Amino acid sequence: MVSIFLRSLLFNLLFYPNFVVWAIIALPTLVMPRKALLRVANWWAQSNILMMRIICNIRVEYRGAEKIPTGPLIVAAKHQSMWETISLLHFFDAPFFVLKRELLRIPVFGQYLMKADMVAIDRASGRQALMKITRRAAEEVRRGRQFVIFPEGTRRPPGAPPDYKAGVALIYTDCGVPCLPVALNSGLFWPRRTFMRYPGTLVVEFLDPLSPGLPRGEFLARIQNVIEEATDRLVAAGEAEQARLFGRVPQAAKV
């Protein structure tokens, strides 16, 4: 575990300078089309995945990418880690996320978020925030973009009971486009609330898309069932691998 601690420390010491380097490289994209910024953001994400492999011995495996529909789409992903917020961009032409409005005030980074045309909300406004998300999501999806949403609203550690919000179903019925469920086990390797990075195989699995037109309640039940079933399978496989690699499943990945 000492080796894992030192590797995690090195990764984190390099993560932020790496971000600064790519933020400087991306400066010209502020006066270029949005696709240019998204391309640089993807290069940054790929550089982090490379560092994870070299420094932390974390391999990343993608499954089911051939199932991703083209064109407008809702992407409903399990959320266990910061990792998926920066690493799912690679698969979509014009993705957008919902983010806290406060992030727009961060110098330079806020300008990049505005350039990428993300949806910023005030979470304290409750139902008004949900209505804004729904309205903006429908507008952007009609323009051919892919809305990446985490249906539980926040990161949940592996094994935690599911907590899916009704908002994803409201957005689905309003947008009238397919929804792509995504399962993963990232929380075992890049846990929340700790700088530790644990070795193993991080798996992202794109599941069968759900066609538009399902009743709201049926959609919410189906999206939760398919994501949770696949996530449980991926987490179990990841825990078994960690037990083989260093004798136990890290407690930090479970809280």
C-alpha atoms as a PDB file:
ATOM      1  CA  MET A   1       0.000   0.000   0.000  1.00  0.00           C
ATOM      2  CA  VAL A   2       2.983   2.327   0.463  1.00  0.00           C
ATOM      3  CA  SER A   3       3.694   2.014  -3.247  1.00  0.00           C
ATOM      4  CA  ILE A   4       0.060   2.864  -4.063  1.00  0.00           C
ATOM      5  CA  PHE A   5       0.237   5.914  -1.780  1.00  0.00           C
ATOM      6  CA  LEU A   6       3.414   7.190  -3.446  1.00  0.00           C
ATOM      7  CA  ARG A   7       2.029   6.578  -6.941  1.00  0.00           C
ATOM      8  CA  SER A   8      -1.193   8.379  -6.002  1.00  0.00           C
ATOM      9  CA  LEU A   9       0.793  11.296  -4.612  1.00  0.00           C
ATOM     10  CA  LEU A  10       2.847  11.566  -7.795  1.00  0.00           C
ATOM     11  CA  PHE A  11      -0.265  11.427  -9.970  1.00  0.00           C
ATOM     12  CA  ASN A  12      -1.916  14.247  -8.035  1.00  0.00           C
ATOM     13  CA  LEU A  13       1.240  16.349  -8.086  1.00  0.00           C
ATOM     14  CA  LEU A  14       1.254  16.051 -11.893  1.00  0.00           C
ATOM     15  CA  PHE A  15      -2.511  16.301 -12.457  1.00  0.00           C
ATOM     16  CA  TYR A  16      -2.806  20.034 -11.760  1.00  0.00           C
ATOM     17  CA  PRO A  17       0.308  21.187 -13.666  1.00  0.00           C
ATOM     18  CA  ASN A  18      -0.891  19.024 -16.540  1.00  0.00           C
ATOM     19  CA  PHE A  19      -4.206  20.865 -16.472  1.00  0.00           C
ATOM     20  CA  VAL A  20      -2.436  24.226 -16.513  1.00  0.00           C
ATOM     21  CA  VAL A  21      -0.358  23.186 -19.537  1.00  0.00           C
ATOM     22  CA  TRP A  22      -3.420  22.122 -21.496  1.00  0.00           C
ATOM     23  CA  ALA A  23      -5.321  25.247 -20.414  1.00  0.00           C
ATOM     24  CA  ILE A  24      -2.541  27.340 -21.975  1.00  0.00           C
ATOM     25  CA  ILE A  25      -2.531  25.214 -25.124  1.00  0.00           C
ATOM     26  CA  ALA A  26      -6.300  25.712 -25.395  1.00  0.00           C
ATOM     27  CA  LEU A  27      -6.191  29.529 -25.260  1.00  0.00           C
ATOM     28  CA  PRO A  28      -6.419  29.998 -29.063  1.00  0.00           C
ATOM     29  CA  THR A  29      -9.617  27.940 -29.115  1.00  0.00           C
ATOM     30  CA  LEU A  30     -11.446  30.790 -27.367  1.00  0.00           C
ATOM     31  CA  VAL A  31     -11.623  32.482 -30.787  1.00  0.00           C
ATOM     32  CA  MET A  32     -12.157  29.271 -32.745  1.00  0.00           C
ATOM     33  CA  PRO A  33     -15.219  27.049 -33.246  1.00  0.00           C
ATOM     34  CA  ARG A  34     -16.392  25.077 -30.215  1.00  0.00           C
ATOM     35  CA  LYS A  35     -15.164  21.808 -31.743  1.00  0.00           C
ATOM     36  CA  ALA A  36     -11.579  23.016 -31.419  1.00  0.00           C
ATOM     37  CA  LEU A  37     -11.951  23.463 -27.663  1.00  0.00           C
ATOM     38  CA  LEU A  38     -13.635  20.072 -27.281  1.00  0.00           C
ATOM     39  CA  ARG A  39     -10.770  18.463 -29.202  1.00  0.00           C
ATOM     40  CA  VAL A  40      -8.185  19.952 -26.845  1.00  0.00           C
ATOM     41  CA  ALA A  41     -10.312  18.952 -23.840  1.00  0.00           C
ATOM     42  CA  ASN A  42     -10.298  15.397 -25.155  1.00  0.00           C
ATOM     43  CA  TRP A  43      -6.501  15.470 -25.527  1.00  0.00           C
ATOM     44  CA  TRP A  44      -6.282  16.633 -21.911  1.00  0.00           C
ATOM     45  CA  ALA A  45      -8.551  13.776 -20.790  1.00  0.00           C
ATOM     46  CA  GLN A  46      -6.474  11.263 -22.745  1.00  0.00           C
ATOM     47  CA  SER A  47      -3.276  12.597 -21.153  1.00  0.00           C
ATOM     48  CA  ASN A  48      -4.800  11.925 -17.714  1.00  0.00           C
ATOM     49  CA  ILE A  49      -5.729   8.385 -18.747  1.00  0.00           C
ATOM     50  CA  LEU A  50      -2.144   7.852 -19.916  1.00  0.00           C
ATOM     51  CA  MET A  51      -0.799   9.118 -16.577  1.00  0.00           C
ATOM     52  CA  MET A  52      -3.195   6.820 -14.749  1.00  0.00           C
ATOM     53  CA  ARG A  53      -1.821   3.857 -16.682  1.00  0.00           C
ATOM     54  CA  ILE A  54       1.866   4.737 -16.343  1.00  0.00           C
ATOM     55  CA  ILE A  55       1.896   6.045 -12.770  1.00  0.00           C
ATOM     56  CA  CYS A  56      -1.003   4.290 -11.032  1.00  0.00           C
ATOM     57  CA  ASN A  57      -1.307   1.086 -13.076  1.00  0.00           C
ATOM     58  CA  ILE A  58      -4.966   1.829 -13.845  1.00  0.00           C
ATOM     59  CA  ARG A  59      -6.048   0.487 -17.201  1.00  0.00           C
ATOM     60  CA  VAL A  60      -9.222   1.785 -18.860  1.00  0.00           C
ATOM     61  CA  GLU A  61     -11.489  -0.484 -20.884  1.00  0.00           C
ATOM     62  CA  TYR A  62     -14.491   0.663 -22.907  1.00  0.00           C
ATOM     63  CA  ARG A  63     -17.229  -1.802 -23.843  1.00  0.00           C
ATOM     64  CA  GLY A  64     -20.196  -1.411 -26.159  1.00  0.00           C
ATOM     65  CA  ALA A  65     -19.041   1.746 -27.947  1.00  0.00           C
ATOM     66  CA  GLU A  66     -20.631   0.391 -31.117  1.00  0.00           C
ATOM     67  CA  LYS A  67     -24.034   0.905 -29.431  1.00  0.00           C
ATOM     68  CA  ILE A  68     -23.663   4.687 -29.276  1.00  0.00           C
ATOM     69  CA  PRO A  69     -26.255   6.296 -31.606  1.00  0.00           C
ATOM     70  CA  THR A  70     -25.251   9.195 -33.803  1.00  0.00           C
ATOM     71  CA  GLY A  71     -26.899  12.580 -33.578  1.00  0.00           C
ATOM     72  CA  PRO A  72     -28.968  14.031 -30.727  1.00  0.00           C
ATOM     73  CA  LEU A  73     -28.912  11.923 -27.603  1.00  0.00           C
ATOM     74  CA  ILE A  74     -29.304  11.778 -23.831  1.00  0.00           C
ATOM     75  CA  VAL A  75     -26.418   9.972 -22.121  1.00  0.00           C
ATOM     76  CA  ALA A  76     -27.408   8.774 -18.632  1.00  0.00           C
ATOM     77  CA  ALA A  77     -24.258   7.684 -16.803  1.00  0.00           C
ATOM     78  CA  LYS A  78     -23.523   6.245 -13.404  1.00  0.00           C
ATOM     79  CA  HIS A  79     -21.507   8.747 -11.358  1.00  0.00           C
ATOM     80  CA  GLN A  80     -18.904   7.422  -8.909  1.00  0.00           C
ATOM     81  CA  SER A  81     -15.898   9.638  -9.546  1.00  0.00           C
ATOM     82  CA  MET A  82     -14.564  12.841 -11.020  1.00  0.00           C
ATOM     83  CA  TRP A  83     -13.096  10.617 -13.722  1.00  0.00           C
ATOM     84  CA  GLU A  84     -16.213  10.311 -15.887  1.00  0.00           C
ATOM     85  CA  THR A  85     -16.785  14.068 -15.913  1.00  0.00           C
ATOM     86  CA  ILE A  86     -13.608  14.496 -17.958  1.00  0.00           C
ATOM     87  CA  SER A  87     -13.309  11.202 -19.819  1.00  0.00           C
ATOM     88  CA  LEU A  88     -16.632  10.621 -21.585  1.00  0.00           C
ATOM     89  CA  LEU A  89     -16.096  13.513 -24.021  1.00  0.00           C
ATOM     90  CA  HIS A  90     -14.141  11.272 -26.359  1.00  0.00           C
ATOM     91  CA  PHE A  91     -17.239   9.461 -27.629  1.00  0.00           C
ATOM     92  CA  PHE A  92     -19.510  12.374 -28.541  1.00  0.00           C
ATOM     93  CA  ASP A  93     -19.352  15.070 -31.205  1.00  0.00           C
ATOM     94  CA  ALA A  94     -21.085  17.885 -29.326  1.00  0.00           C
ATOM     95  CA  PRO A  95     -21.541  16.940 -25.663  1.00  0.00           C
ATOM     96  CA  PHE A  96     -22.783  19.225 -22.921  1.00  0.00           C
ATOM     97  CA  PHE A  97     -23.123  18.895 -19.151  1.00  0.00           C
ATOM     98  CA  VAL A  98     -24.985  20.666 -16.362  1.00  0.00           C
ATOM     99  CA  LEU A  99     -22.636  22.423 -13.956  1.00  0.00           C
ATOM    100  CA  LYS A 100     -22.699  24.769 -10.982  1.00  0.00           C
ATOM    101  CA  ARG A 101     -22.934  28.426 -11.967  1.00  0.00           C
ATOM    102  CA  GLU A 102     -20.055  29.253  -9.605  1.00  0.00           C
ATOM    103  CA  LEU A 103     -17.638  27.424 -11.904  1.00  0.00           C
ATOM    104  CA  LEU A 104     -18.127  30.107 -14.543  1.00  0.00           C
ATOM    105  CA  ARG A 105     -16.417  32.600 -12.224  1.00  0.00           C
ATOM    106  CA  ILE A 106     -13.110  30.708 -12.222  1.00  0.00           C
ATOM    107  CA  PRO A 107     -10.636  32.707 -14.342  1.00  0.00           C
ATOM    108  CA  VAL A 108      -9.930  31.154 -17.768  1.00  0.00           C
ATOM    109  CA  PHE A 109     -11.623  27.863 -16.823  1.00  0.00           C
ATOM    110  CA  GLY A 110     -14.963  29.665 -16.671  1.00  0.00           C
ATOM    111  CA  GLN A 111     -14.349  31.094 -20.133  1.00  0.00           C
ATOM    112  CA  TYR A 112     -13.718  27.601 -21.461  1.00  0.00           C
ATOM    113  CA  LEU A 113     -16.979  26.359 -19.968  1.00  0.00           C
ATOM    114  CA  MET A 114     -18.889  29.200 -21.586  1.00  0.00           C
ATOM    115  CA  LYS A 115     -17.144  28.570 -24.902  1.00  0.00           C
ATOM    116  CA  ALA A 116     -18.145  24.894 -24.685  1.00  0.00           C
ATOM    117  CA  ASP A 117     -21.740  26.098 -24.138  1.00  0.00           C
ATOM    118  CA  MET A 118     -22.369  24.067 -21.001  1.00  0.00           C
ATOM    119  CA  VAL A 119     -25.553  24.554 -18.978  1.00  0.00           C
ATOM    120  CA  ALA A 120     -24.872  26.476 -15.754  1.00  0.00           C
ATOM    121  CA  ILE A 121     -27.472  26.516 -12.973  1.00  0.00           C
ATOM    122  CA  ASP A 122     -27.990  27.791  -9.453  1.00  0.00           C
ATOM    123  CA  ARG A 123     -28.653  24.587  -7.509  1.00  0.00           C
ATOM    124  CA  ALA A 124     -30.205  26.560  -4.659  1.00  0.00           C
ATOM    125  CA  SER A 125     -33.141  27.542  -6.880  1.00  0.00           C
ATOM    126  CA  GLY A 126     -34.641  24.034  -6.669  1.00  0.00           C
ATOM    127  CA  ARG A 127     -37.501  23.418  -9.087  1.00  0.00           C
ATOM    128  CA  GLN A 128     -36.614  26.505 -11.115  1.00  0.00           C
ATOM    129  CA  ALA A 129     -33.190  24.945 -11.769  1.00  0.00           C
ATOM    130  CA  LEU A 130     -34.847  21.736 -12.983  1.00  0.00           C
ATOM    131  CA  MET A 131     -37.113  23.683 -15.309  1.00  0.00           C
ATOM    132  CA  LYS A 132     -34.113  25.549 -16.719  1.00  0.00           C
ATOM    133  CA  ILE A 133     -32.201  22.315 -17.275  1.00  0.00           C
ATOM    134  CA  THR A 134     -35.173  20.734 -19.022  1.00  0.00           C
ATOM    135  CA  ARG A 135     -35.719  23.735 -21.291  1.00  0.00           C
ATOM    136  CA  ARG A 136     -32.042  24.147 -22.200  1.00  0.00           C
ATOM    137  CA  ALA A 137     -31.513  20.415 -22.671  1.00  0.00           C
ATOM    138  CA  ALA A 138     -34.380  20.221 -25.131  1.00  0.00           C
ATOM    139  CA  GLU A 139     -33.039  23.254 -27.036  1.00  0.00           C
ATOM    140  CA  GLU A 140     -29.493  21.899 -27.264  1.00  0.00           C
ATOM    141  CA  VAL A 141     -30.544  18.352 -28.144  1.00  0.00           C
ATOM    142  CA  ARG A 142     -32.693  19.695 -30.998  1.00  0.00           C
ATOM    143  CA  ARG A 143     -29.514  21.309 -32.313  1.00  0.00           C
ATOM    144  CA  GLY A 144     -27.985  17.832 -32.542  1.00  0.00           C
ATOM    145  CA  ARG A 145     -26.004  17.768 -29.300  1.00  0.00           C
ATOM    146  CA  GLN A 146     -25.560  14.994 -26.725  1.00  0.00           C
ATOM    147  CA  PHE A 147     -26.683  15.749 -23.166  1.00  0.00           C
ATOM    148  CA  VAL A 148     -24.525  13.888 -20.635  1.00  0.00           C
ATOM    149  CA  ILE A 149     -26.433  13.630 -17.363  1.00  0.00           C
ATOM    150  CA  PHE A 150     -25.798  11.818 -14.086  1.00  0.00           C
ATOM    151  CA  PRO A 151     -29.305  10.703 -13.006  1.00  0.00           C
ATOM    152  CA  GLU A 152     -28.388  10.509  -9.304  1.00  0.00           C
ATOM    153  CA  GLY A 153     -27.224  14.111  -9.343  1.00  0.00           C
ATOM    154  CA  THR A 154     -23.993  13.562  -7.432  1.00  0.00           C
ATOM    155  CA  ARG A 155     -21.235  10.993  -6.978  1.00  0.00           C
ATOM    156  CA  ARG A 156     -22.216   7.783  -5.234  1.00  0.00           C
ATOM    157  CA  PRO A 157     -19.605   5.340  -3.883  1.00  0.00           C
ATOM    158  CA  PRO A 158     -19.576   1.772  -5.234  1.00  0.00           C
ATOM    159  CA  GLY A 159     -22.194  -0.324  -3.483  1.00  0.00           C
ATOM    160  CA  ALA A 160     -24.279   2.625  -2.268  1.00  0.00           C
ATOM    161  CA  PRO A 161     -28.068   2.286  -2.698  1.00  0.00           C
ATOM    162  CA  PRO A 162     -29.230   3.937  -5.938  1.00  0.00           C
ATOM    163  CA  ASP A 163     -30.786   7.394  -5.694  1.00  0.00           C
ATOM    164  CA  TYR A 164     -32.127   8.258  -9.141  1.00  0.00           C
ATOM    165  CA  LYS A 165     -33.898  11.587  -9.504  1.00  0.00           C
ATOM    166  CA  ALA A 166     -37.106  12.094 -11.476  1.00  0.00           C
ATOM    167  CA  GLY A 167     -35.489  14.939 -13.415  1.00  0.00           C
ATOM    168  CA  VAL A 168     -33.822  12.598 -15.913  1.00  0.00           C
ATOM    169  CA  ALA A 169     -37.243  11.170 -16.849  1.00  0.00           C
ATOM    170  CA  LEU A 170     -38.688  14.659 -17.301  1.00  0.00           C
ATOM    171  CA  ILE A 171     -35.812  15.602 -19.593  1.00  0.00           C
ATOM    172  CA  TYR A 172     -36.172  12.337 -21.533  1.00  0.00           C
ATOM    173  CA  THR A 173     -39.882  12.864 -22.234  1.00  0.00           C
ATOM    174  CA  ASP A 174     -39.356  16.502 -23.243  1.00  0.00           C
ATOM    175  CA  CYS A 175     -36.389  15.858 -25.566  1.00  0.00           C
ATOM    176  CA  GLY A 176     -37.910  12.940 -27.504  1.00  0.00           C
ATOM    177  CA  VAL A 177     -34.559  11.338 -28.384  1.00  0.00           C
ATOM    178  CA  PRO A 178     -32.896   8.001 -27.479  1.00  0.00           C
ATOM    179  CA  CYS A 179     -31.227   7.622 -24.092  1.00  0.00           C
ATOM    180  CA  LEU A 180     -27.914   5.776 -23.780  1.00  0.00           C
ATOM    181  CA  PRO A 181     -27.344   4.186 -20.334  1.00  0.00           C
ATOM    182  CA  VAL A 182     -23.735   3.987 -19.139  1.00  0.00           C
ATOM    183  CA  ALA A 183     -22.425   1.774 -16.335  1.00  0.00           C
ATOM    184  CA  LEU A 184     -18.947   1.955 -14.801  1.00  0.00           C
ATOM    185  CA  ASN A 185     -16.791   1.095 -11.792  1.00  0.00           C
ATOM    186  CA  SER A 186     -14.573   4.200 -11.654  1.00  0.00           C
ATOM    187  CA  GLY A 187     -15.160   4.721  -7.923  1.00  0.00           C
ATOM    188  CA  LEU A 188     -12.986   1.708  -7.120  1.00  0.00           C
ATOM    189  CA  PHE A 189      -9.949   3.314  -8.759  1.00  0.00           C
ATOM    190  CA  TRP A 190     -10.502   7.082  -8.487  1.00  0.00           C
ATOM    191  CA  PRO A 191     -12.640   7.319  -5.306  1.00  0.00           C
ATOM    192  CA  ARG A 192     -14.331  10.505  -4.185  1.00  0.00           C
ATOM    193  CA  ARG A 193     -13.016  12.475  -1.172  1.00  0.00           C
ATOM    194  CA  THR A 194      -9.482  11.059  -1.315  1.00  0.00           C
ATOM    195  CA  PHE A 195      -6.401  11.570  -3.440  1.00  0.00           C
ATOM    196  CA  MET A 196      -5.679   7.814  -3.540  1.00  0.00           C
ATOM    197  CA  ARG A 197      -5.671   6.110  -6.943  1.00  0.00           C
ATOM    198  CA  TYR A 198      -5.912   2.313  -6.815  1.00  0.00           C
ATOM    199  CA  PRO A 199      -4.614  -0.037  -9.545  1.00  0.00           C
ATOM    200  CA  GLY A 200      -6.840  -2.271 -11.620  1.00  0.00           C
ATOM    201  CA  THR A 201      -9.098  -2.154 -14.678  1.00  0.00           C
ATOM    202  CA  LEU A 202     -11.557   0.729 -14.831  1.00  0.00           C
ATOM    203  CA  VAL A 203     -14.422  -0.340 -17.094  1.00  0.00           C
ATOM    204  CA  VAL A 204     -17.016   1.825 -18.845  1.00  0.00           C
ATOM    205  CA  GLU A 205     -19.867  -0.061 -20.488  1.00  0.00           C
ATOM    206  CA  PHE A 206     -22.272   1.556 -22.941  1.00  0.00           C
ATOM    207  CA  LEU A 207     -25.573  -0.309 -22.715  1.00  0.00           C
ATOM    208  CA  ASP A 208     -28.441  -0.748 -25.183  1.00  0.00           C
ATOM    209  CA  PRO A 209     -30.108   2.614 -25.914  1.00  0.00           C
ATOM    210  CA  LEU A 210     -33.689   3.169 -24.841  1.00  0.00           C
ATOM    211  CA  SER A 211     -35.914   4.428 -27.629  1.00  0.00           C
ATOM    212  CA  PRO A 212     -37.880   7.662 -27.158  1.00  0.00           C
ATOM    213  CA  GLY A 213     -41.533   7.547 -26.229  1.00  0.00           C
ATOM    214  CA  LEU A 214     -41.554   5.450 -23.053  1.00  0.00           C
ATOM    215  CA  PRO A 215     -43.880   6.625 -20.252  1.00  0.00           C
ATOM    216  CA  ARG A 216     -41.978   8.625 -17.655  1.00  0.00           C
ATOM    217  CA  GLY A 217     -42.309   6.118 -14.812  1.00  0.00           C
ATOM    218  CA  GLU A 218     -41.391   3.142 -16.997  1.00  0.00           C
ATOM    219  CA  PHE A 219     -38.363   4.961 -18.343  1.00  0.00           C
ATOM    220  CA  LEU A 220     -37.070   5.853 -14.867  1.00  0.00           C
ATOM    221  CA  ALA A 221     -37.481   2.268 -13.650  1.00  0.00           C
ATOM    222  CA  ARG A 222     -35.766   0.807 -16.713  1.00  0.00           C
ATOM    223  CA  ILE A 223     -32.843   3.240 -16.721  1.00  0.00           C
ATOM    224  CA  GLN A 224     -32.168   2.550 -13.044  1.00  0.00           C
ATOM    225  CA  ASN A 225     -32.443  -1.211 -13.450  1.00  0.00           C
ATOM    226  CA  VAL A 226     -30.141  -1.529 -16.452  1.00  0.00           C
ATOM    227  CA  ILE A 227     -27.478   0.843 -15.098  1.00  0.00           C
ATOM    228  CA  GLU A 228     -27.474  -0.646 -11.607  1.00  0.00           C
ATOM    229  CA  GLU A 229     -27.398  -4.256 -12.807  1.00  0.00           C
ATOM    230  CA  ALA A 230     -24.446  -3.612 -15.101  1.00  0.00           C
ATOM    231  CA  THR A 231     -22.667  -1.431 -12.523  1.00  0.00           C
ATOM    232  CA  ASP A 232     -22.997  -4.100  -9.841  1.00  0.00           C
ATOM    233  CA  ARG A 233     -21.419  -6.606 -12.228  1.00  0.00           C
ATOM    234  CA  LEU A 234     -18.536  -4.278 -13.088  1.00  0.00           C
ATOM    235  CA  VAL A 235     -17.933  -3.369  -9.440  1.00  0.00           C
ATOM    236  CA  ALA A 236     -17.877  -7.035  -8.414  1.00  0.00           C
ATOM    237  CA  ALA A 237     -15.304  -7.804 -11.122  1.00  0.00           C
ATOM    238  CA  GLY A 238     -13.221  -4.784 -10.089  1.00  0.00           C
ATOM    239  CA  GLU A 239     -13.290  -5.770  -6.423  1.00  0.00           C
ATOM    240  CA  ALA A 240     -12.193  -9.305  -7.292  1.00  0.00           C
ATOM    241  CA  GLU A 241      -9.297  -7.896  -9.302  1.00  0.00           C
ATOM    242  CA  GLN A 242      -8.256  -5.595  -6.459  1.00  0.00           C
ATOM    243  CA  ALA A 243      -8.353  -8.514  -4.032  1.00  0.00           C
ATOM    244  CA  ARG A 244      -5.983 -10.409  -6.318  1.00  0.00           C
ATOM    245  CA  LEU A 245      -3.680  -7.419  -6.782  1.00  0.00           C
ATOM    246  CA  PHE A 246      -3.224  -6.313  -3.180  1.00  0.00           C
ATOM    247  CA  GLY A 247      -5.294  -8.532  -0.964  1.00  0.00           C
ATOM    248  CA  ARG A 248      -8.358  -6.396  -0.230  1.00  0.00           C
ATOM    249  CA  VAL A 249     -10.826  -3.818  -1.514  1.00  0.00           C
ATOM    250  CA  PRO A 250      -9.755  -0.334  -0.314  1.00  0.00           C
ATOM    251  CA  GLN A 251     -12.174   1.071   2.240  1.00  0.00           C
ATOM    252  CA  ALA A 252     -11.738   4.554   0.744  1.00  0.00           C
ATOM    253  CA  ALA A 253     -13.536   3.348  -2.375  1.00  0.00           C
ATOM    254  CA  LYS A 254     -16.611   2.376  -0.344  1.00  0.00           C
ATOM    255  CA  VAL A 255     -17.381   5.622   1.475  1.00  0.00           C
END
